[in-house]
Amino acid sequence: MALKLQPLRYFLWVAETGSYHAAADHAARSQPAVSLAIRDLEEQLGQPLFERGRHAQLTPFGSEHYPQIRALVDHHDRVSQTLSDSAERRVGRVSLASIPSYAGRELPGILARFARAHPGVEVTVEDDTAVRVQQRVIERRVDFGIGTGIALDADLRFEHLAEDRMGLVCRSDHPLAAVRAPCSWEAIRPHTLITNGTFRQVSDPEALAILTAARFHVPNITSLLAMVRGGLGVTLLPELALVGEQDDLVFRPLAGDSATRDIGLISPRHETPRPAAAALLAAIRGMH
C-alpha cells in the first residue's frame, strides 16, 4: 500500500484543529477537496478515520494511528529539510587531506572565508605527505586532497592550483647560505644531506647518487628543521613549507629540473563531489 503524503497532512490538520474548514484554510484548498482526499484515504486504508455525523471526531482507529501518522509526516519534513539544506550548501561536512606546506600557509585564510560564507558546514583537515594524500583520496577517507600530481593514480584527477619552488634549506651560518645563485646538486654533494618525503619528487638524474648516499631520513618537518638548526646537515623543502620558519634558516632555490613542483586539487576522477565539498573546492579555486 502506497500512501500519499498530502492526504495524511489533511488528516492531521483536521484532527488537530477539529475542523474541516480550518484544515482547508491551512491547506489553501477548498473544504470539499480536503474532505474528498480524506475519504479516498479511508477507502485505501479500509477503515474510517473520523466518526460519521460527528464533526471531525476521530474514530478509535484514527486515534490509535494518529501518533504514527504524525511521526511519519514529521520525519518526512525533517529529511526534506536536511536534503534541501545540504543541496543548497547550508549544512554538511567536508574532509580533505593536504600536504603540510599548503595547509600551513594557504588553507587558513581560505577556510576562514569559507566558514563565514557557510557557517553550517563542518570541515576536517588532515595534513600528510603527498603520497598519503593521494592514498586517502583513493580510499575515500577524505572528499579530496591538495598535493602534487607525481605518480598520480589513474582513478584520480589533478587540477593545478599553484607552483612552489623547491630549494635547499640550511642554517644561516652554513657555507651554502652565502651563495645567492640557485643551488646545484654538485654544490650539495660535499655536505651532509637529510632527506624527507619531498625527495620523492626530485627527478634530476644527477641527484640520485647524492640522495642514495644520504645518511639521515626525517619525514616530520618539525623534527627535520630541528635537525637542520642543530647543525646535523642540510635538507630540501618547498618554499611554502618554510613560512614562519626562516628566522635562522636560509632557503636557496634549487637549480635544474626539480626547481619547482605543481600543487593542485586531487579528487576521484569519476565521482561528483558532495555539495559541501563542491562549495569548498570552488572557494579554493577562487583563491588561485
C-alpha atoms as a PDB file:
ATOM      1  CA  MET A   1       0.000   0.000   0.000  1.00  0.00           C
ATOM      2  CA  ALA A   2       1.494   3.302  -1.137  1.00  0.00           C
ATOM      3  CA  LEU A   3       0.034   6.176   0.867  1.00  0.00           C
ATOM      4  CA  LYS A   4       0.306   9.708  -0.468  1.00  0.00           C
ATOM      5  CA  LEU A   5       1.675  12.282   1.931  1.00  0.00           C
ATOM      6  CA  GLN A   6      -0.773  15.124   1.314  1.00  0.00           C
ATOM      7  CA  PRO A   7      -3.942  13.294   2.459  1.00  0.00           C
ATOM      8  CA  LEU A   8      -2.079  12.332   5.626  1.00  0.00           C
ATOM      9  CA  ARG A   9      -1.352  16.023   6.210  1.00  0.00           C
ATOM     10  CA  TYR A  10      -5.070  16.828   5.723  1.00  0.00           C
ATOM     11  CA  PHE A  11      -5.936  14.147   8.277  1.00  0.00           C
ATOM     12  CA  LEU A  12      -3.537  15.672  10.815  1.00  0.00           C
ATOM     13  CA  TRP A  13      -4.799  19.210  10.255  1.00  0.00           C
ATOM     14  CA  VAL A  14      -8.443  18.146  10.671  1.00  0.00           C
ATOM     15  CA  ALA A  15      -7.599  16.141  13.806  1.00  0.00           C
ATOM     16  CA  GLU A  16      -5.546  18.976  15.325  1.00  0.00           C
ATOM     17  CA  THR A  17      -7.900  21.854  14.501  1.00  0.00           C
ATOM     18  CA  GLY A  18     -11.107  19.897  14.997  1.00  0.00           C
ATOM     19  CA  SER A  19     -12.474  21.422  11.801  1.00  0.00           C
ATOM     20  CA  TYR A  20     -12.539  20.542   8.122  1.00  0.00           C
ATOM     21  CA  HIS A  21     -12.941  24.228   7.368  1.00  0.00           C
ATOM     22  CA  ALA A  22      -9.848  25.245   9.376  1.00  0.00           C
ATOM     23  CA  ALA A  23      -7.843  22.426   7.789  1.00  0.00           C
ATOM     24  CA  ALA A  24      -8.917  23.621   4.330  1.00  0.00           C
ATOM     25  CA  ASP A  25      -7.787  27.161   5.140  1.00  0.00           C
ATOM     26  CA  HIS A  26      -4.426  25.836   6.342  1.00  0.00           C
ATOM     27  CA  ALA A  27      -4.006  23.804   3.155  1.00  0.00           C
ATOM     28  CA  ALA A  28      -5.195  26.665   0.908  1.00  0.00           C
ATOM     29  CA  ARG A  29      -7.718  24.228  -0.585  1.00  0.00           C
ATOM     30  CA  SER A  30     -11.483  24.074  -0.654  1.00  0.00           C
ATOM     31  CA  GLN A  31     -13.257  22.170   2.105  1.00  0.00           C
ATOM     32  CA  PRO A  32     -14.785  19.654  -0.368  1.00  0.00           C
ATOM     33  CA  ALA A  33     -11.306  18.925  -1.747  1.00  0.00           C
ATOM     34  CA  VAL A  34      -9.956  18.177   1.739  1.00  0.00           C
ATOM     35  CA  SER A  35     -12.997  16.028   2.582  1.00  0.00           C
ATOM     36  CA  LEU A  36     -12.651  14.067  -0.652  1.00  0.00           C
ATOM     37  CA  ALA A  37      -8.917  13.439  -0.069  1.00  0.00           C
ATOM     38  CA  ILE A  38      -9.623  12.087   3.425  1.00  0.00           C
ATOM     39  CA  ARG A  39     -12.438   9.855   2.143  1.00  0.00           C
ATOM     40  CA  ASP A  40     -10.083   8.460  -0.504  1.00  0.00           C
ATOM     41  CA  LEU A  41      -7.501   7.811   2.240  1.00  0.00           C
ATOM     42  CA  GLU A  42     -10.125   5.993   4.343  1.00  0.00           C
ATOM     43  CA  GLU A  43     -11.076   3.845   1.354  1.00  0.00           C
ATOM     44  CA  GLN A  44      -7.432   2.997   0.750  1.00  0.00           C
ATOM     45  CA  LEU A  45      -6.985   2.026   4.414  1.00  0.00           C
ATOM     46  CA  GLY A  46     -10.301   0.204   4.584  1.00  0.00           C
ATOM     47  CA  GLN A  47     -11.138   1.943   7.874  1.00  0.00           C
ATOM     48  CA  PRO A  48     -12.819   5.261   8.778  1.00  0.00           C
ATOM     49  CA  LEU A  49     -10.624   7.892  10.411  1.00  0.00           C
ATOM     50  CA  PHE A  50     -13.418  10.226  11.571  1.00  0.00           C
ATOM     51  CA  GLU A  51     -16.823   9.345  13.018  1.00  0.00           C
ATOM     52  CA  ARG A  52     -19.695   9.832  10.613  1.00  0.00           C
ATOM     53  CA  GLY A  53     -22.130  12.526  11.720  1.00  0.00           C
ATOM     54  CA  ARG A  54     -19.739  13.839  14.359  1.00  0.00           C
ATOM     55  CA  HIS A  55     -17.740  16.767  13.107  1.00  0.00           C
ATOM     56  CA  ALA A  56     -14.006  15.913  12.940  1.00  0.00           C
ATOM     57  CA  GLN A  57     -14.107  13.403  15.792  1.00  0.00           C
ATOM     58  CA  LEU A  58     -11.526  10.659  15.440  1.00  0.00           C
ATOM     59  CA  THR A  59     -12.569   7.016  15.364  1.00  0.00           C
ATOM     60  CA  PRO A  60     -10.715   4.573  17.634  1.00  0.00           C
ATOM     61  CA  PHE A  61      -8.707   3.546  14.561  1.00  0.00           C
ATOM     62  CA  GLY A  62      -7.875   7.181  13.812  1.00  0.00           C
ATOM     63  CA  SER A  63      -6.876   7.856  17.440  1.00  0.00           C
ATOM     64  CA  GLU A  64      -4.732   4.719  17.572  1.00  0.00           C
ATOM     65  CA  HIS A  65      -2.732   5.605  14.482  1.00  0.00           C
ATOM     66  CA  TYR A  66      -2.608   9.381  14.823  1.00  0.00           C
ATOM     67  CA  PRO A  67       0.845   9.302  16.587  1.00  0.00           C
ATOM     68  CA  GLN A  68       2.312   7.122  13.832  1.00  0.00           C
ATOM     69  CA  ILE A  69       0.993   9.374  11.087  1.00  0.00           C
ATOM     70  CA  ARG A  70       2.286  12.411  12.951  1.00  0.00           C
ATOM     71  CA  ALA A  71       5.728  10.807  13.274  1.00  0.00           C
ATOM     72  CA  LEU A  72       5.754   9.792   9.592  1.00  0.00           C
ATOM     73  CA  VAL A  73       4.949  13.305   8.359  1.00  0.00           C
ATOM     74  CA  ASP A  74       7.420  14.921  10.772  1.00  0.00           C
ATOM     75  CA  HIS A  75      10.162  12.515   9.653  1.00  0.00           C
ATOM     76  CA  HIS A  76       9.459  13.324   6.013  1.00  0.00           C
ATOM     77  CA  ASP A  77       9.689  17.045   6.725  1.00  0.00           C
ATOM     78  CA  ARG A  78      12.979  16.668   8.623  1.00  0.00           C
ATOM     79  CA  VAL A  79      14.536  14.602   5.848  1.00  0.00           C
ATOM     80  CA  SER A  80      13.291  17.034   3.206  1.00  0.00           C
ATOM     81  CA  GLN A  81      14.776  19.983   5.099  1.00  0.00           C
ATOM     82  CA  THR A  82      18.093  18.190   5.586  1.00  0.00           C
ATOM     83  CA  LEU A  83      18.310  17.324   1.885  1.00  0.00           C
ATOM     84  CA  SER A  84      17.442  20.886   0.916  1.00  0.00           C
ATOM     85  CA  ASP A  85      19.979  22.393   3.321  1.00  0.00           C
ATOM     86  CA  SER A  86      22.691  20.041   2.092  1.00  0.00           C
ATOM     87  CA  ALA A  87      21.902  20.615  -1.585  1.00  0.00           C
ATOM     88  CA  GLU A  88      21.984  24.373  -1.062  1.00  0.00           C
ATOM     89  CA  ARG A  89      25.243  24.080   0.956  1.00  0.00           C
ATOM     90  CA  ARG A  90      23.790  25.485   4.163  1.00  0.00           C
ATOM     91  CA  VAL A  91      24.869  22.406   6.129  1.00  0.00           C
ATOM     92  CA  GLY A  92      27.137  19.443   5.550  1.00  0.00           C
ATOM     93  CA  ARG A  93      30.565  18.015   6.206  1.00  0.00           C
ATOM     94  CA  VAL A  94      33.800  18.180   4.216  1.00  0.00           C
ATOM     95  CA  SER A  95      37.004  16.281   4.852  1.00  0.00           C
ATOM     96  CA  LEU A  96      40.222  16.977   2.987  1.00  0.00           C
ATOM     97  CA  ALA A  97      43.860  15.956   3.138  1.00  0.00           C
ATOM     98  CA  SER A  98      46.642  18.381   2.319  1.00  0.00           C
ATOM     99  CA  ILE A  99      50.401  18.472   2.199  1.00  0.00           C
ATOM    100  CA  PRO A 100      51.615  20.405   5.274  1.00  0.00           C
ATOM    101  CA  SER A 101      53.155  23.275   3.302  1.00  0.00           C
ATOM    102  CA  TYR A 102      49.834  24.239   1.682  1.00  0.00           C
ATOM    103  CA  ALA A 103      47.838  23.507   4.837  1.00  0.00           C
ATOM    104  CA  GLY A 104      50.042  25.815   6.871  1.00  0.00           C
ATOM    105  CA  ARG A 105      50.205  28.763   4.508  1.00  0.00           C
ATOM    106  CA  GLU A 106      47.224  28.887   2.146  1.00  0.00           C
ATOM    107  CA  LEU A 107      44.399  26.985   3.831  1.00  0.00           C
ATOM    108  CA  PRO A 108      43.869  29.128   6.972  1.00  0.00           C
ATOM    109  CA  GLY A 109      42.753  32.197   5.022  1.00  0.00           C
ATOM    110  CA  ILE A 110      40.616  30.156   2.631  1.00  0.00           C
ATOM    111  CA  LEU A 111      38.884  28.291   5.461  1.00  0.00           C
ATOM    112  CA  ALA A 112      38.240  31.497   7.396  1.00  0.00           C
ATOM    113  CA  ARG A 113      36.378  32.981   4.425  1.00  0.00           C
ATOM    114  CA  PHE A 114      34.591  29.684   3.763  1.00  0.00           C
ATOM    115  CA  ALA A 115      33.423  29.454   7.383  1.00  0.00           C
ATOM    116  CA  ARG A 116      31.892  32.929   7.180  1.00  0.00           C
ATOM    117  CA  ALA A 117      30.058  32.065   3.956  1.00  0.00           C
ATOM    118  CA  HIS A 118      28.981  28.573   5.094  1.00  0.00           C
ATOM    119  CA  PRO A 119      28.593  28.661   8.895  1.00  0.00           C
ATOM    120  CA  GLY A 120      26.715  25.343   8.966  1.00  0.00           C
ATOM    121  CA  VAL A 121      29.386  23.303   7.188  1.00  0.00           C
ATOM    122  CA  GLU A 122      31.848  21.263   9.270  1.00  0.00           C
ATOM    123  CA  VAL A 123      35.381  20.947   7.832  1.00  0.00           C
ATOM    124  CA  THR A 124      38.048  18.389   8.771  1.00  0.00           C
ATOM    125  CA  VAL A 125      41.645  18.860   7.574  1.00  0.00           C
ATOM    126  CA  GLU A 126      44.294  16.138   7.694  1.00  0.00           C
ATOM    127  CA  ASP A 127      47.875  17.004   6.762  1.00  0.00           C
ATOM    128  CA  ASP A 128      50.134  14.296   5.391  1.00  0.00           C
ATOM    129  CA  THR A 129      52.776  13.541   2.803  1.00  0.00           C
ATOM    130  CA  ALA A 130      51.979  13.879  -0.901  1.00  0.00           C
ATOM    131  CA  VAL A 131      51.836  10.095  -1.322  1.00  0.00           C
ATOM    132  CA  ARG A 132      49.485   9.624   1.606  1.00  0.00           C
ATOM    133  CA  VAL A 133      47.258  12.491   0.497  1.00  0.00           C
ATOM    134  CA  GLN A 134      46.636  10.595  -2.729  1.00  0.00           C
ATOM    135  CA  GLN A 135      46.067   7.369  -0.801  1.00  0.00           C
ATOM    136  CA  ARG A 136      43.477   8.985   1.453  1.00  0.00           C
ATOM    137  CA  VAL A 137      41.531  10.175  -1.600  1.00  0.00           C
ATOM    138  CA  ILE A 138      41.757   6.748  -3.276  1.00  0.00           C
ATOM    139  CA  GLU A 139      40.435   5.067  -0.114  1.00  0.00           C
ATOM    140  CA  ARG A 140      37.637   7.705   0.132  1.00  0.00           C
ATOM    141  CA  ARG A 141      38.785   8.643   3.622  1.00  0.00           C
ATOM    142  CA  VAL A 142      38.527  12.296   2.517  1.00  0.00           C
ATOM    143  CA  ASP A 143      36.451  14.117  -0.092  1.00  0.00           C
ATOM    144  CA  PHE A 144      39.504  15.495  -1.866  1.00  0.00           C
ATOM    145  CA  GLY A 145      43.154  16.280  -1.386  1.00  0.00           C
ATOM    146  CA  ILE A 146      45.672  19.031  -2.026  1.00  0.00           C
ATOM    147  CA  GLY A 147      49.074  17.803  -3.074  1.00  0.00           C
ATOM    148  CA  THR A 148      51.290  17.018  -6.042  1.00  0.00           C
ATOM    149  CA  GLY A 149      50.396  15.071  -9.152  1.00  0.00           C
ATOM    150  CA  ILE A 150      53.519  12.911  -9.149  1.00  0.00           C
ATOM    151  CA  ALA A 151      52.757   9.212  -9.791  1.00  0.00           C
ATOM    152  CA  LEU A 152      49.041  10.067  -9.864  1.00  0.00           C
ATOM    153  CA  ASP A 153      46.717   7.075  -9.704  1.00  0.00           C
ATOM    154  CA  ALA A 154      44.604   6.537 -12.840  1.00  0.00           C
ATOM    155  CA  ASP A 155      41.391   6.886 -10.789  1.00  0.00           C
ATOM    156  CA  LEU A 156      42.351  10.371  -9.592  1.00  0.00           C
ATOM    157  CA  ARG A 157      42.081  13.767 -11.241  1.00  0.00           C
ATOM    158  CA  PHE A 158      44.690  16.509 -10.703  1.00  0.00           C
ATOM    159  CA  GLU A 159      43.801  20.194 -11.104  1.00  0.00           C
ATOM    160  CA  HIS A 160      46.688  22.658 -10.932  1.00  0.00           C
ATOM    161  CA  LEU A 161      46.457  25.380  -8.282  1.00  0.00           C
ATOM    162  CA  ALA A 162      49.928  26.808  -7.762  1.00  0.00           C
ATOM    163  CA  GLU A 163      53.621  26.377  -8.392  1.00  0.00           C
ATOM    164  CA  ASP A 164      56.015  26.092  -5.453  1.00  0.00           C
ATOM    165  CA  ARG A 165      59.792  26.496  -5.646  1.00  0.00           C
ATOM    166  CA  MET A 166      61.945  23.691  -4.326  1.00  0.00           C
ATOM    167  CA  GLY A 167      65.142  24.608  -2.588  1.00  0.00           C
ATOM    168  CA  LEU A 168      67.953  23.863  -0.213  1.00  0.00           C
ATOM    169  CA  VAL A 169      67.376  24.738   3.459  1.00  0.00           C
ATOM    170  CA  CYS A 170      70.353  25.302   5.750  1.00  0.00           C
ATOM    171  CA  ARG A 171      71.371  27.330   8.771  1.00  0.00           C
ATOM    172  CA  SER A 172      72.196  30.963   8.173  1.00  0.00           C
ATOM    173  CA  ASP A 173      75.834  30.297   9.161  1.00  0.00           C
ATOM    174  CA  HIS A 174      76.205  27.327   6.791  1.00  0.00           C
ATOM    175  CA  PRO A 175      78.703  27.726   3.891  1.00  0.00           C
ATOM    176  CA  LEU A 176      75.909  27.255   1.324  1.00  0.00           C
ATOM    177  CA  ALA A 177      73.900  30.121   2.836  1.00  0.00           C
ATOM    178  CA  ALA A 178      76.226  32.799   1.487  1.00  0.00           C
ATOM    179  CA  VAL A 179      75.668  31.980  -2.208  1.00  0.00           C
ATOM    180  CA  ARG A 180      72.607  33.617  -3.743  1.00  0.00           C
ATOM    181  CA  ALA A 181      72.535  31.749  -7.053  1.00  0.00           C
ATOM    182  CA  PRO A 182      70.272  28.670  -7.465  1.00  0.00           C
ATOM    183  CA  CYS A 183      71.839  25.733  -5.681  1.00  0.00           C
ATOM    184  CA  SER A 184      73.160  22.864  -7.799  1.00  0.00           C
ATOM    185  CA  TRP A 185      73.397  19.217  -6.763  1.00  0.00           C
ATOM    186  CA  GLU A 186      77.147  19.412  -7.241  1.00  0.00           C
ATOM    187  CA  ALA A 187      77.317  22.138  -4.587  1.00  0.00           C
ATOM    188  CA  ILE A 188      75.275  19.982  -2.185  1.00  0.00           C
ATOM    189  CA  ARG A 189      77.392  16.843  -2.683  1.00  0.00           C
ATOM    190  CA  PRO A 190      80.125  17.611  -0.061  1.00  0.00           C
ATOM    191  CA  HIS A 191      77.599  18.312   2.699  1.00  0.00           C
ATOM    192  CA  THR A 192      75.531  16.037   4.939  1.00  0.00           C
ATOM    193  CA  LEU A 193      72.079  15.724   3.429  1.00  0.00           C
ATOM    194  CA  ILE A 194      68.948  14.966   5.494  1.00  0.00           C
ATOM    195  CA  THR A 195      66.234  13.516   3.265  1.00  0.00           C
ATOM    196  CA  ASN A 196      62.472  13.679   3.786  1.00  0.00           C
ATOM    197  CA  GLY A 197      59.296  12.886   1.840  1.00  0.00           C
ATOM    198  CA  THR A 198      59.929  15.784  -0.536  1.00  0.00           C
ATOM    199  CA  PHE A 199      62.846  13.945  -2.118  1.00  0.00           C
ATOM    200  CA  ARG A 200      60.433  11.537  -3.817  1.00  0.00           C
ATOM    201  CA  GLN A 201      59.551  14.438  -6.097  1.00  0.00           C
ATOM    202  CA  VAL A 202      63.136  15.004  -7.294  1.00  0.00           C
ATOM    203  CA  SER A 203      63.564  13.874 -10.893  1.00  0.00           C
ATOM    204  CA  ASP A 204      67.097  15.057 -11.749  1.00  0.00           C
ATOM    205  CA  PRO A 205      69.280  12.024 -12.671  1.00  0.00           C
ATOM    206  CA  GLU A 206      72.358  13.737 -11.211  1.00  0.00           C
ATOM    207  CA  ALA A 207      70.667  13.824  -7.798  1.00  0.00           C
ATOM    208  CA  LEU A 208      70.169  10.066  -7.459  1.00  0.00           C
ATOM    209  CA  ALA A 209      73.670   9.231  -6.251  1.00  0.00           C
ATOM    210  CA  ILE A 210      73.584  12.061  -3.719  1.00  0.00           C
ATOM    211  CA  LEU A 211      70.191  11.024  -2.385  1.00  0.00           C
ATOM    212  CA  THR A 212      71.196   7.373  -2.174  1.00  0.00           C
ATOM    213  CA  ALA A 213      74.233   8.306  -0.115  1.00  0.00           C
ATOM    214  CA  ALA A 214      72.254  10.353   2.409  1.00  0.00           C
ATOM    215  CA  ARG A 215      72.788   9.125   5.986  1.00  0.00           C
ATOM    216  CA  PHE A 216      69.681  10.595   7.625  1.00  0.00           C
ATOM    217  CA  HIS A 217      65.971  10.496   6.761  1.00  0.00           C
ATOM    218  CA  VAL A 218      63.496  12.565   8.835  1.00  0.00           C
ATOM    219  CA  PRO A 219      59.922  12.723   7.413  1.00  0.00           C
ATOM    220  CA  ASN A 220      58.415  15.006  10.082  1.00  0.00           C
ATOM    221  CA  ILE A 221      59.028  18.646   9.179  1.00  0.00           C
ATOM    222  CA  THR A 222      59.240  19.865  12.790  1.00  0.00           C
ATOM    223  CA  SER A 223      61.912  17.287  13.621  1.00  0.00           C
ATOM    224  CA  LEU A 224      63.597  17.855  10.270  1.00  0.00           C
ATOM    225  CA  LEU A 225      64.038  21.594  10.822  1.00  0.00           C
ATOM    226  CA  ALA A 226      65.221  20.940  14.362  1.00  0.00           C
ATOM    227  CA  MET A 227      67.943  18.703  12.918  1.00  0.00           C
ATOM    228  CA  VAL A 228      68.965  21.410  10.446  1.00  0.00           C
ATOM    229  CA  ARG A 229      69.028  24.039  13.204  1.00  0.00           C
ATOM    230  CA  GLY A 230      71.088  21.663  15.330  1.00  0.00           C
ATOM    231  CA  GLY A 231      73.771  21.534  12.647  1.00  0.00           C
ATOM    232  CA  LEU A 232      73.214  17.919  11.568  1.00  0.00           C
ATOM    233  CA  GLY A 233      73.079  18.852   7.891  1.00  0.00           C
ATOM    234  CA  VAL A 234      71.035  20.478   5.120  1.00  0.00           C
ATOM    235  CA  THR A 235      67.753  19.439   3.551  1.00  0.00           C
ATOM    236  CA  LEU A 236      65.448  20.093   0.612  1.00  0.00           C
ATOM    237  CA  LEU A 237      61.976  21.565   1.052  1.00  0.00           C
ATOM    238  CA  PRO A 238      59.353  23.502  -0.897  1.00  0.00           C
ATOM    239  CA  GLU A 239      59.370  27.211  -0.126  1.00  0.00           C
ATOM    240  CA  LEU A 240      55.805  27.085   1.220  1.00  0.00           C
ATOM    241  CA  ALA A 241      56.966  24.733   3.972  1.00  0.00           C
ATOM    242  CA  LEU A 242      59.172  27.445   5.485  1.00  0.00           C
ATOM    243  CA  VAL A 243      56.510  30.029   6.253  1.00  0.00           C
ATOM    244  CA  GLY A 244      57.304  31.395   9.707  1.00  0.00           C
ATOM    245  CA  GLU A 245      60.436  29.224   9.956  1.00  0.00           C
ATOM    246  CA  GLN A 246      63.044  31.447   8.300  1.00  0.00           C
ATOM    247  CA  ASP A 247      64.345  33.365  11.316  1.00  0.00           C
ATOM    248  CA  ASP A 248      67.600  31.394  11.477  1.00  0.00           C
ATOM    249  CA  LEU A 249      67.329  29.379   8.262  1.00  0.00           C
ATOM    250  CA  VAL A 250      68.155  30.184   4.647  1.00  0.00           C
ATOM    251  CA  PHE A 251      66.236  28.989   1.594  1.00  0.00           C
ATOM    252  CA  ARG A 252      68.117  28.706  -1.708  1.00  0.00           C
ATOM    253  CA  PRO A 253      66.145  27.765  -4.835  1.00  0.00           C
ATOM    254  CA  LEU A 254      67.240  24.512  -6.408  1.00  0.00           C
ATOM    255  CA  ALA A 255      68.711  24.569  -9.925  1.00  0.00           C
ATOM    256  CA  GLY A 256      67.644  22.112 -12.616  1.00  0.00           C
ATOM    257  CA  ASP A 257      64.511  20.155 -13.440  1.00  0.00           C
ATOM    258  CA  SER A 258      63.457  19.819  -9.790  1.00  0.00           C
ATOM    259  CA  ALA A 259      63.356  23.583  -9.218  1.00  0.00           C
ATOM    260  CA  THR A 260      59.559  23.709  -8.970  1.00  0.00           C
ATOM    261  CA  ARG A 261      56.637  21.459  -8.145  1.00  0.00           C
ATOM    262  CA  ASP A 262      52.981  21.702  -9.064  1.00  0.00           C
ATOM    263  CA  ILE A 263      50.408  21.791  -6.257  1.00  0.00           C
ATOM    264  CA  GLY A 264      46.821  21.013  -7.084  1.00  0.00           C
ATOM    265  CA  LEU A 265      43.468  19.555  -6.158  1.00  0.00           C
ATOM    266  CA  ILE A 266      43.283  15.764  -6.165  1.00  0.00           C
ATOM    267  CA  SER A 267      39.835  14.190  -6.447  1.00  0.00           C
ATOM    268  CA  PRO A 268      38.164  10.968  -7.630  1.00  0.00           C
ATOM    269  CA  ARG A 269      38.043  11.082 -11.420  1.00  0.00           C
ATOM    270  CA  HIS A 270      34.557   9.654 -11.883  1.00  0.00           C
ATOM    271  CA  GLU A 271      32.650  10.998  -8.877  1.00  0.00           C
ATOM    272  CA  THR A 272      30.565  14.117  -8.350  1.00  0.00           C
ATOM    273  CA  PRO A 273      31.554  15.800  -5.062  1.00  0.00           C
ATOM    274  CA  ARG A 274      29.023  16.291  -2.299  1.00  0.00           C
ATOM    275  CA  PRO A 275      27.518  19.810  -2.271  1.00  0.00           C
ATOM    276  CA  ALA A 276      29.522  20.992   0.741  1.00  0.00           C
ATOM    277  CA  ALA A 277      32.741  19.626  -0.764  1.00  0.00           C
ATOM    278  CA  ALA A 278      31.920  21.289  -4.095  1.00  0.00           C
ATOM    279  CA  ALA A 279      31.493  24.608  -2.271  1.00  0.00           C
ATOM    280  CA  LEU A 280      34.918  24.316  -0.618  1.00  0.00           C
ATOM    281  CA  LEU A 281      36.533  23.252  -3.894  1.00  0.00           C
ATOM    282  CA  ALA A 282      35.086  26.365  -5.513  1.00  0.00           C
ATOM    283  CA  ALA A 283      36.417  28.526  -2.653  1.00  0.00           C
ATOM    284  CA  ILE A 284      39.915  27.093  -3.069  1.00  0.00           C
ATOM    285  CA  ARG A 285      39.850  27.560  -6.851  1.00  0.00           C
ATOM    286  CA  GLY A 286      38.712  31.146  -6.346  1.00  0.00           C
ATOM    287  CA  MET A 287      41.913  31.969  -4.473  1.00  0.00           C
ATOM    288  CA  HIS A 288      44.192  30.948  -7.353  1.00  0.00           C
END
